[in-house]
Amino acid sequence: MGWTLGRYFLSRYAAITAWFFAGVYALVSLIDFTELANRTSGVPGFSAGLALTVSMLRVPMIMQQTVPFVALFSAMATLVSLNRRYELVIARAAGISAWQFLLPACFGAFVFGALTIAVLNPLAAEGFSRSQELEAQLRSREVTSRSAFDAPWLRQKTADGETIIGARAVLEQGLLLVDAVFFSFDGNDEIVERRDAARAYLRDGYWELHDVRLLTAGMRFENREIDRVATNLRPEFVQERLARPETVPVHRLPATIEVARSLGLSANRFATQFHSLVAMPLLLVAMTLIAATVSMRFARMGQSVTMILGGVLAGFLLYVVTVLVKAFGDAGLVPPFIVAWIPVVVAMFFGVTFLLYKEDG
């Protein structure tokens, strides 16, 4: 197949993918903004502009999760449109095999996955962290009861005794706690002090608390602008325990994994996230091959609805299996490398085998 025809097929795929991505982006933005506005409309200080800002910062993270489906549907739409305009029929009549005219689509899917890793992932990680901070600031003005099971908790032991730390929100990969509470215990495991802080920053050897309300065992309250609580927790340990892997950009994941392992900590969640991102381009190629198995058959009156639904179901099952196996990787039951690559390899073998049977007998 010549460069001109290959470039034409690639441009068709790229245009349809861009339209799909833009359409899904607009839909996700609208739904997320509506849902966020409904949840926070009664919070003091709420404004439509703030809700829109938080929503726009969160949307790239949601879009990163939808990329495999965008690749699947755009590949199906591209092949169906080429079939309906008899372009694939003419290409076949000219002696071009299915493998040749699928190459531009697979190349486009690979580039789409690479752009997702290089561009969308850093934007999603940074935007999501920033949106959490804005939403935490907005919700900190709201006086509500919060279940202890909803908050992340840490226990530290120093020369001063034990301290249990909780927070409403965890930001900056675990180094900043919003609406934090510190319970200090004596040697008899009795609470001697409670500190409620608007923000708590993890420094070298201590927590730096801002806007603190101190309650002692004698039921005396004291307000302090800044306070300190000694700690022996390392930032890497706090990041491993509290940070969400999705909030760490892909280029920082290897360093995070290496530091965590050097401290003897498990880095399964971060390793699984890293390998899943690296496998993204080939996952999109696998989605394209799955789309080809149900979209290349020529039909005079259009593609069979059953075949199209079968392709959608196959892509959905691949995504579900990927997420399910990823949970095993996060728990340390399966090595992260296997978790990320086995579903992709199996899906690619399935697509290639099916096309070999259909095209080459």
Protein backbone atom coordinates (compact mmCIF):
# COMPACT_ATOMS: atom_id res chain seq x y z
CA MET A 1 0.00 0.00 0.00
CA GLY A 2 1.36 3.36 -1.01
CA TRP A 3 2.06 6.29 1.26
CA THR A 4 -0.82 8.33 -0.19
CA LEU A 5 -3.48 5.73 0.62
CA GLY A 6 -1.94 4.97 4.01
CA ARG A 7 -1.90 8.67 4.86
CA TYR A 8 -5.55 8.95 3.81
CA PHE A 9 -6.62 6.06 6.05
CA LEU A 10 -4.57 7.52 8.93
CA SER A 11 -6.11 10.97 8.49
CA ARG A 12 -9.60 9.47 8.51
CA TYR A 13 -8.83 7.60 11.72
CA ALA A 14 -7.26 10.67 13.34
CA ALA A 15 -10.21 12.91 12.44
CA ILE A 16 -12.82 10.47 13.74
CA THR A 17 -10.80 9.88 16.92
CA ALA A 18 -10.52 13.63 17.52
CA TRP A 19 -14.29 14.06 17.10
CA PHE A 20 -15.01 11.16 19.43
CA PHE A 21 -12.59 12.51 22.03
CA ALA A 22 -14.07 16.00 21.82
CA GLY A 23 -17.61 14.68 22.08
CA VAL A 24 -16.83 12.48 25.10
CA TYR A 25 -14.94 15.38 26.70
CA ALA A 26 -17.93 17.70 26.34
CA LEU A 27 -20.32 15.06 27.69
CA VAL A 28 -18.11 14.21 30.67
CA SER A 29 -17.61 17.90 31.46
CA LEU A 30 -21.33 18.56 31.48
CA ILE A 31 -22.16 15.54 33.65
CA ASP A 32 -19.33 16.17 36.11
CA PHE A 33 -20.16 19.87 36.49
CA THR A 34 -23.85 19.10 37.06
CA GLU A 35 -23.07 16.42 39.64
CA LEU A 36 -20.53 18.62 41.46
CA ALA A 37 -22.87 21.61 41.50
CA ASN A 38 -25.64 19.47 43.01
CA ARG A 39 -23.33 18.21 45.77
CA THR A 40 -21.80 21.55 46.72
CA SER A 41 -24.53 24.08 45.97
CA GLY A 42 -25.43 24.31 49.66
CA VAL A 43 -21.86 24.81 50.87
CA PRO A 44 -20.98 28.35 52.05
CA GLY A 45 -18.82 30.11 49.48
CA PHE A 46 -20.14 28.06 46.57
CA SER A 47 -20.14 29.71 43.16
CA ALA A 48 -20.76 28.41 39.68
CA GLY A 49 -17.32 29.62 38.59
CA LEU A 50 -15.56 27.67 41.34
CA ALA A 51 -17.56 24.53 40.59
CA LEU A 52 -16.74 24.88 36.89
CA THR A 53 -13.03 25.29 37.69
CA VAL A 54 -12.97 22.18 39.88
CA SER A 55 -14.86 20.21 37.25
CA MET A 56 -12.53 21.26 34.43
CA LEU A 57 -9.53 20.22 36.51
CA ARG A 58 -11.05 16.78 37.19
CA VAL A 59 -12.17 16.02 33.64
CA PRO A 60 -8.69 15.05 32.27
CA MET A 61 -8.48 12.29 34.91
CA ILE A 62 -11.88 10.96 33.84
CA MET A 63 -10.92 11.22 30.17
CA GLN A 64 -7.82 9.13 30.83
CA GLN A 65 -10.10 6.31 31.94
CA THR A 66 -12.25 6.61 28.79
CA VAL A 67 -9.34 6.54 26.30
CA PRO A 68 -9.60 2.75 25.60
CA PHE A 69 -13.31 3.12 24.73
CA VAL A 70 -12.61 6.16 22.56
CA ALA A 71 -10.02 4.09 20.66
CA LEU A 72 -12.46 1.19 20.29
CA PHE A 73 -15.39 3.26 19.01
CA SER A 74 -13.27 5.45 16.74
CA ALA A 75 -11.70 2.37 15.11
CA MET A 76 -15.12 0.81 14.60
CA ALA A 77 -16.53 4.05 13.18
CA THR A 78 -13.55 4.47 10.84
CA LEU A 79 -13.78 0.96 9.39
CA VAL A 80 -17.58 1.09 9.09
CA SER A 81 -17.41 4.43 7.25
CA LEU A 82 -14.73 3.11 4.88
CA ASN A 83 -16.91 0.08 4.19
CA ARG A 84 -20.04 2.11 3.53
CA ARG A 85 -18.19 4.26 1.00
CA TYR A 86 -16.80 1.10 -0.69
CA GLU A 87 -13.24 2.26 -0.05
CA LEU A 88 -12.22 -0.98 1.61
CA VAL A 89 -13.87 -2.93 -1.21
CA ILE A 90 -11.79 -1.03 -3.77
CA ALA A 91 -8.64 -1.45 -1.67
CA ARG A 92 -9.22 -5.20 -1.51
CA ALA A 93 -9.86 -5.32 -5.27
CA ALA A 94 -6.54 -3.55 -5.80
CA GLY A 95 -4.77 -6.37 -3.96
CA ILE A 96 -4.35 -4.63 -0.61
CA SER A 97 -4.75 -7.02 2.30
CA ALA A 98 -6.55 -6.33 5.56
CA TRP A 99 -3.23 -6.22 7.38
CA GLN A 100 -2.05 -3.39 5.16
CA PHE A 101 -5.05 -1.10 5.54
CA LEU A 102 -5.29 -1.89 9.27
CA LEU A 103 -1.71 -0.70 9.75
CA PRO A 104 -2.57 3.06 9.65
CA ALA A 105 -5.34 2.57 12.22
CA CYS A 106 -3.06 0.56 14.51
CA PHE A 107 -0.32 3.16 14.11
CA GLY A 108 -2.81 5.92 14.92
CA ALA A 109 -3.98 4.01 18.02
CA PHE A 110 -0.38 3.59 19.17
CA VAL A 111 0.28 7.32 18.74
CA PHE A 112 -2.98 8.08 20.56
CA GLY A 113 -1.80 5.95 23.49
CA ALA A 114 1.62 7.61 23.49
CA LEU A 115 0.01 11.06 23.58
CA THR A 116 -2.19 9.89 26.44
CA ILE A 117 0.91 8.98 28.45
CA ALA A 118 3.01 12.00 27.52
CA VAL A 119 0.38 14.76 27.53
CA LEU A 120 -2.92 13.72 29.09
CA ASN A 121 -1.51 11.85 32.10
CA PRO A 122 0.59 14.74 33.52
CA LEU A 123 -2.33 17.12 32.97
CA ALA A 124 -4.71 14.67 34.63
CA ALA A 125 -2.46 14.10 37.65
CA GLU A 126 -1.78 17.78 38.23
CA GLY A 127 -5.34 18.85 37.53
CA PHE A 128 -6.83 16.21 39.82
CA SER A 129 -4.53 17.18 42.68
CA ARG A 130 -5.43 20.83 42.23
CA SER A 131 -9.16 20.03 42.06
CA GLN A 132 -8.91 18.07 45.32
CA GLU A 133 -7.30 21.07 46.96
CA LEU A 134 -10.00 23.47 45.75
CA GLU A 135 -12.80 21.11 46.72
CA ALA A 136 -11.23 20.57 50.15
CA GLN A 137 -11.05 24.33 50.67
CA LEU A 138 -14.69 24.65 49.68
CA ARG A 139 -15.86 21.79 51.90
CA SER A 140 -13.78 22.96 54.87
CA ARG A 141 -16.31 25.78 55.27
CA GLU A 142 -19.09 23.27 55.63
CA VAL A 143 -19.84 22.02 59.14
CA THR A 144 -20.81 18.37 58.78
CA SER A 145 -20.21 15.16 60.65
CA ARG A 146 -17.68 12.88 59.02
CA SER A 147 -17.38 9.17 59.54
CA ALA A 148 -14.01 7.98 60.77
CA PHE A 149 -14.10 5.21 58.17
CA ASP A 150 -14.11 7.79 55.34
CA ALA A 151 -10.83 9.45 56.37
CA PRO A 152 -7.27 8.16 55.92
CA TRP A 153 -5.50 7.44 59.22
CA LEU A 154 -1.85 7.07 60.20
CA ARG A 155 -0.24 5.97 63.46
CA GLN A 156 3.19 7.22 64.44
CA LYS A 157 5.30 6.45 67.51
CA THR A 158 7.95 8.87 68.76
CA ALA A 159 9.76 9.57 72.02
CA ASP A 160 6.80 11.73 73.04
CA GLY A 161 4.37 8.84 72.67
CA GLU A 162 1.93 7.65 70.04
CA THR A 163 -0.09 9.89 67.75
CA ILE A 164 -2.97 8.96 65.47
CA ILE A 165 -3.42 11.27 62.49
CA GLY A 166 -6.52 11.66 60.32
CA ALA A 167 -7.57 14.11 57.62
CA ARG A 168 -10.50 15.11 55.45
CA ALA A 169 -8.34 15.25 52.32
CA VAL A 170 -4.80 14.24 51.34
CA LEU A 171 -3.00 16.48 48.84
CA GLU A 172 0.43 16.84 47.25
CA GLN A 173 0.94 13.06 47.16
CA GLY A 174 0.40 12.74 50.92
CA LEU A 175 2.55 15.64 52.13
CA LEU A 176 -0.36 17.99 52.87
CA LEU A 177 -3.36 17.10 55.03
CA VAL A 178 -6.49 19.24 54.95
CA ASP A 179 -8.75 19.45 58.03
CA ALA A 180 -6.33 17.23 59.92
CA VAL A 181 -6.78 15.89 63.45
CA PHE A 182 -3.96 14.67 65.73
CA PHE A 183 -4.72 12.51 68.78
CA SER A 184 -1.76 12.26 71.20
CA PHE A 185 -1.60 9.34 73.68
CA ASP A 186 0.40 8.85 76.84
CA GLY A 187 2.07 5.67 78.03
CA ASN A 188 -1.26 4.29 79.28
CA ASP A 189 -2.88 4.64 75.86
CA GLU A 190 -5.06 7.52 77.05
CA ILE A 191 -5.70 10.62 74.94
CA VAL A 192 -3.90 13.61 76.42
CA GLU A 193 -4.22 16.13 73.58
CA ARG A 194 -6.21 16.67 70.44
CA ARG A 195 -5.18 19.08 67.73
CA ASP A 196 -7.52 20.11 64.90
CA ALA A 197 -5.66 21.90 62.11
CA ALA A 198 -6.90 23.43 58.90
CA ARG A 199 -3.71 22.25 57.20
CA ALA A 200 -0.79 20.05 58.19
CA TYR A 201 2.46 19.97 56.20
CA LEU A 202 4.97 17.17 56.60
CA ARG A 203 8.41 18.70 57.17
CA ASP A 204 11.74 17.14 58.04
CA GLY A 205 11.10 15.59 61.46
CA TYR A 206 7.82 17.29 62.29
CA TRP A 207 4.31 18.13 61.18
CA GLU A 208 3.71 21.85 60.72
CA LEU A 209 0.11 22.64 61.69
CA HIS A 210 -1.73 25.82 60.70
CA ASP A 211 -4.87 27.32 62.26
CA VAL A 212 -4.79 24.89 65.17
CA ARG A 213 -7.39 24.32 67.87
CA LEU A 214 -5.78 22.49 70.81
CA LEU A 215 -7.81 20.51 73.33
CA THR A 216 -5.96 19.14 76.39
CA ALA A 217 -7.01 16.46 78.85
CA GLY A 218 -8.28 19.16 81.20
CA MET A 219 -10.88 20.16 78.57
CA ARG A 220 -9.13 23.47 77.95
CA PHE A 221 -9.22 24.94 74.45
CA GLU A 222 -6.42 26.98 72.94
CA ASN A 223 -6.12 28.47 69.46
CA ARG A 224 -2.73 28.66 67.78
CA GLU A 225 -1.78 29.96 64.38
CA ILE A 226 1.10 27.51 63.98
CA ASP A 227 2.00 24.41 65.98
CA ARG A 228 4.36 21.47 65.61
CA VAL A 229 4.06 17.75 66.24
CA ALA A 230 7.24 15.68 66.20
CA THR A 231 7.33 12.78 63.77
CA ASN A 232 9.69 10.13 62.49
CA LEU A 233 7.65 9.49 59.36
CA ARG A 234 9.49 9.83 56.08
CA PRO A 235 7.75 11.59 53.18
CA GLU A 236 8.15 8.45 51.09
CA PHE A 237 6.30 6.38 53.70
CA VAL A 238 3.44 8.87 53.87
CA GLN A 239 3.24 8.98 50.08
CA GLU A 240 3.06 5.19 49.91
CA ARG A 241 0.35 5.02 52.56
CA LEU A 242 -1.80 7.99 51.59
CA ALA A 243 -1.09 9.12 48.03
CA ARG A 244 -3.24 7.86 45.19
CA PRO A 245 -1.14 6.46 42.31
CA GLU A 246 -3.36 8.33 39.82
CA THR A 247 -2.14 11.66 41.23
CA VAL A 248 1.53 10.89 40.45
CA PRO A 249 2.58 11.72 36.86
CA VAL A 250 4.04 8.87 34.87
CA HIS A 251 7.52 10.42 34.70
CA ARG A 252 7.71 10.52 38.52
CA LEU A 253 6.45 7.00 39.13
CA PRO A 254 9.81 5.18 38.62
CA ALA A 255 11.52 7.40 41.22
CA THR A 256 8.61 6.94 43.64
CA ILE A 257 8.77 3.16 43.22
CA GLU A 258 12.53 3.06 43.70
CA VAL A 259 12.47 5.20 46.86
CA ALA A 260 9.62 3.18 48.39
CA ARG A 261 11.43 -0.10 47.75
CA SER A 262 14.70 1.26 49.15
CA LEU A 263 12.85 1.89 52.42
CA GLY A 264 11.49 -1.66 52.47
CA LEU A 265 7.96 -0.55 51.60
CA SER A 266 5.61 -2.18 49.14
CA ALA A 267 5.24 -0.16 45.94
CA ASN A 268 2.75 -2.46 44.23
CA ARG A 269 0.13 0.23 43.65
CA PHE A 270 2.59 2.60 42.00
CA ALA A 271 4.29 -0.16 40.00
CA THR A 272 0.93 -1.41 38.73
CA GLN A 273 -0.05 2.11 37.72
CA PHE A 274 3.27 2.64 35.92
CA HIS A 275 3.09 -0.59 33.91
CA SER A 276 -0.58 0.04 33.08
CA LEU A 277 0.31 3.44 31.63
CA VAL A 278 3.27 2.06 29.69
CA ALA A 279 1.03 -0.64 28.24
CA MET A 280 -1.59 1.92 27.16
CA PRO A 281 -0.42 2.26 23.49
CA LEU A 282 -0.53 -1.49 22.92
CA LEU A 283 -3.87 -1.70 24.75
CA LEU A 284 -5.30 0.76 22.21
CA VAL A 285 -3.82 -1.32 19.38
CA ALA A 286 -5.56 -4.35 20.88
CA MET A 287 -8.82 -2.38 20.99
CA THR A 288 -8.34 -1.52 17.30
CA LEU A 289 -7.84 -5.17 16.40
CA ILE A 290 -11.00 -6.09 18.33
CA ALA A 291 -12.87 -3.38 16.42
CA ALA A 292 -11.54 -4.78 13.14
CA THR A 293 -12.93 -8.25 13.87
CA VAL A 294 -16.50 -6.88 13.76
CA SER A 295 -16.23 -3.89 11.42
CA MET A 296 -14.43 -5.01 8.26
CA ARG A 297 -17.09 -7.33 6.89
CA PHE A 298 -18.78 -5.69 3.94
CA ALA A 299 -22.57 -5.47 4.16
CA ARG A 300 -24.67 -3.89 1.44
CA MET A 301 -27.21 -2.45 3.90
CA GLY A 302 -24.73 -1.59 6.67
CA GLN A 303 -23.00 -3.47 9.42
CA SER A 304 -24.87 -6.03 11.47
CA VAL A 305 -26.05 -4.62 14.78
CA THR A 306 -25.24 -7.93 16.45
CA MET A 307 -21.65 -7.79 15.23
CA ILE A 308 -21.22 -4.20 16.40
CA LEU A 309 -22.65 -5.01 19.83
CA GLY A 310 -20.35 -8.01 19.98
CA GLY A 311 -17.35 -5.74 19.42
CA VAL A 312 -18.53 -3.32 22.09
CA LEU A 313 -19.03 -6.21 24.52
CA ALA A 314 -15.58 -7.64 23.75
CA GLY A 315 -13.93 -4.26 24.34
CA PHE A 316 -15.89 -3.77 27.56
CA LEU A 317 -14.89 -7.23 28.82
CA LEU A 318 -11.24 -6.48 28.05
CA TYR A 319 -11.46 -3.26 30.04
CA VAL A 320 -13.20 -4.98 32.97
CA VAL A 321 -10.60 -7.75 33.03
CA THR A 322 -7.82 -5.15 32.95
CA VAL A 323 -9.29 -3.27 35.92
CA LEU A 324 -9.97 -6.50 37.82
CA VAL A 325 -6.47 -7.85 37.33
CA LYS A 326 -5.07 -4.44 38.29
CA ALA A 327 -6.76 -4.81 41.68
CA PHE A 328 -4.81 -8.06 42.19
CA GLY A 329 -1.64 -6.19 41.32
CA ASP A 330 -2.39 -3.42 43.82
CA ALA A 331 -2.89 -6.06 46.52
CA GLY A 332 0.42 -7.70 45.67
CA LEU A 333 -1.14 -11.02 44.66
CA VAL A 334 0.18 -10.81 41.08
CA PRO A 335 3.40 -9.11 39.89
CA PRO A 336 2.61 -5.64 38.46
CA PHE A 337 4.34 -6.38 35.14
CA ILE A 338 2.15 -9.43 34.52
CA VAL A 339 -0.96 -7.55 35.63
CA ALA A 340 -0.43 -4.81 33.06
CA TRP A 341 0.75 -6.82 30.07
CA ILE A 342 -1.07 -10.17 30.13
CA PRO A 343 -4.56 -8.76 29.26
CA VAL A 344 -3.03 -6.69 26.44
CA VAL A 345 -1.09 -9.63 24.97
CA VAL A 346 -4.09 -11.98 25.20
CA ALA A 347 -6.38 -9.40 23.54
CA MET A 348 -3.88 -8.82 20.71
CA PHE A 349 -3.50 -12.57 20.12
CA PHE A 350 -7.29 -12.88 20.05
CA GLY A 351 -7.65 -10.12 17.46
CA VAL A 352 -4.79 -11.40 15.29
CA THR A 353 -6.04 -15.00 15.45
CA PHE A 354 -9.58 -14.00 14.48
CA LEU A 355 -8.36 -11.87 11.57
CA LEU A 356 -6.04 -14.63 10.36
CA TYR A 357 -8.95 -17.05 10.34
CA LYS A 358 -11.25 -14.63 8.51
CA GLU A 359 -8.77 -13.16 6.07
CA ASP A 360 -6.31 -15.94 5.36
CA GLY A 361 -8.37 -19.03 6.24
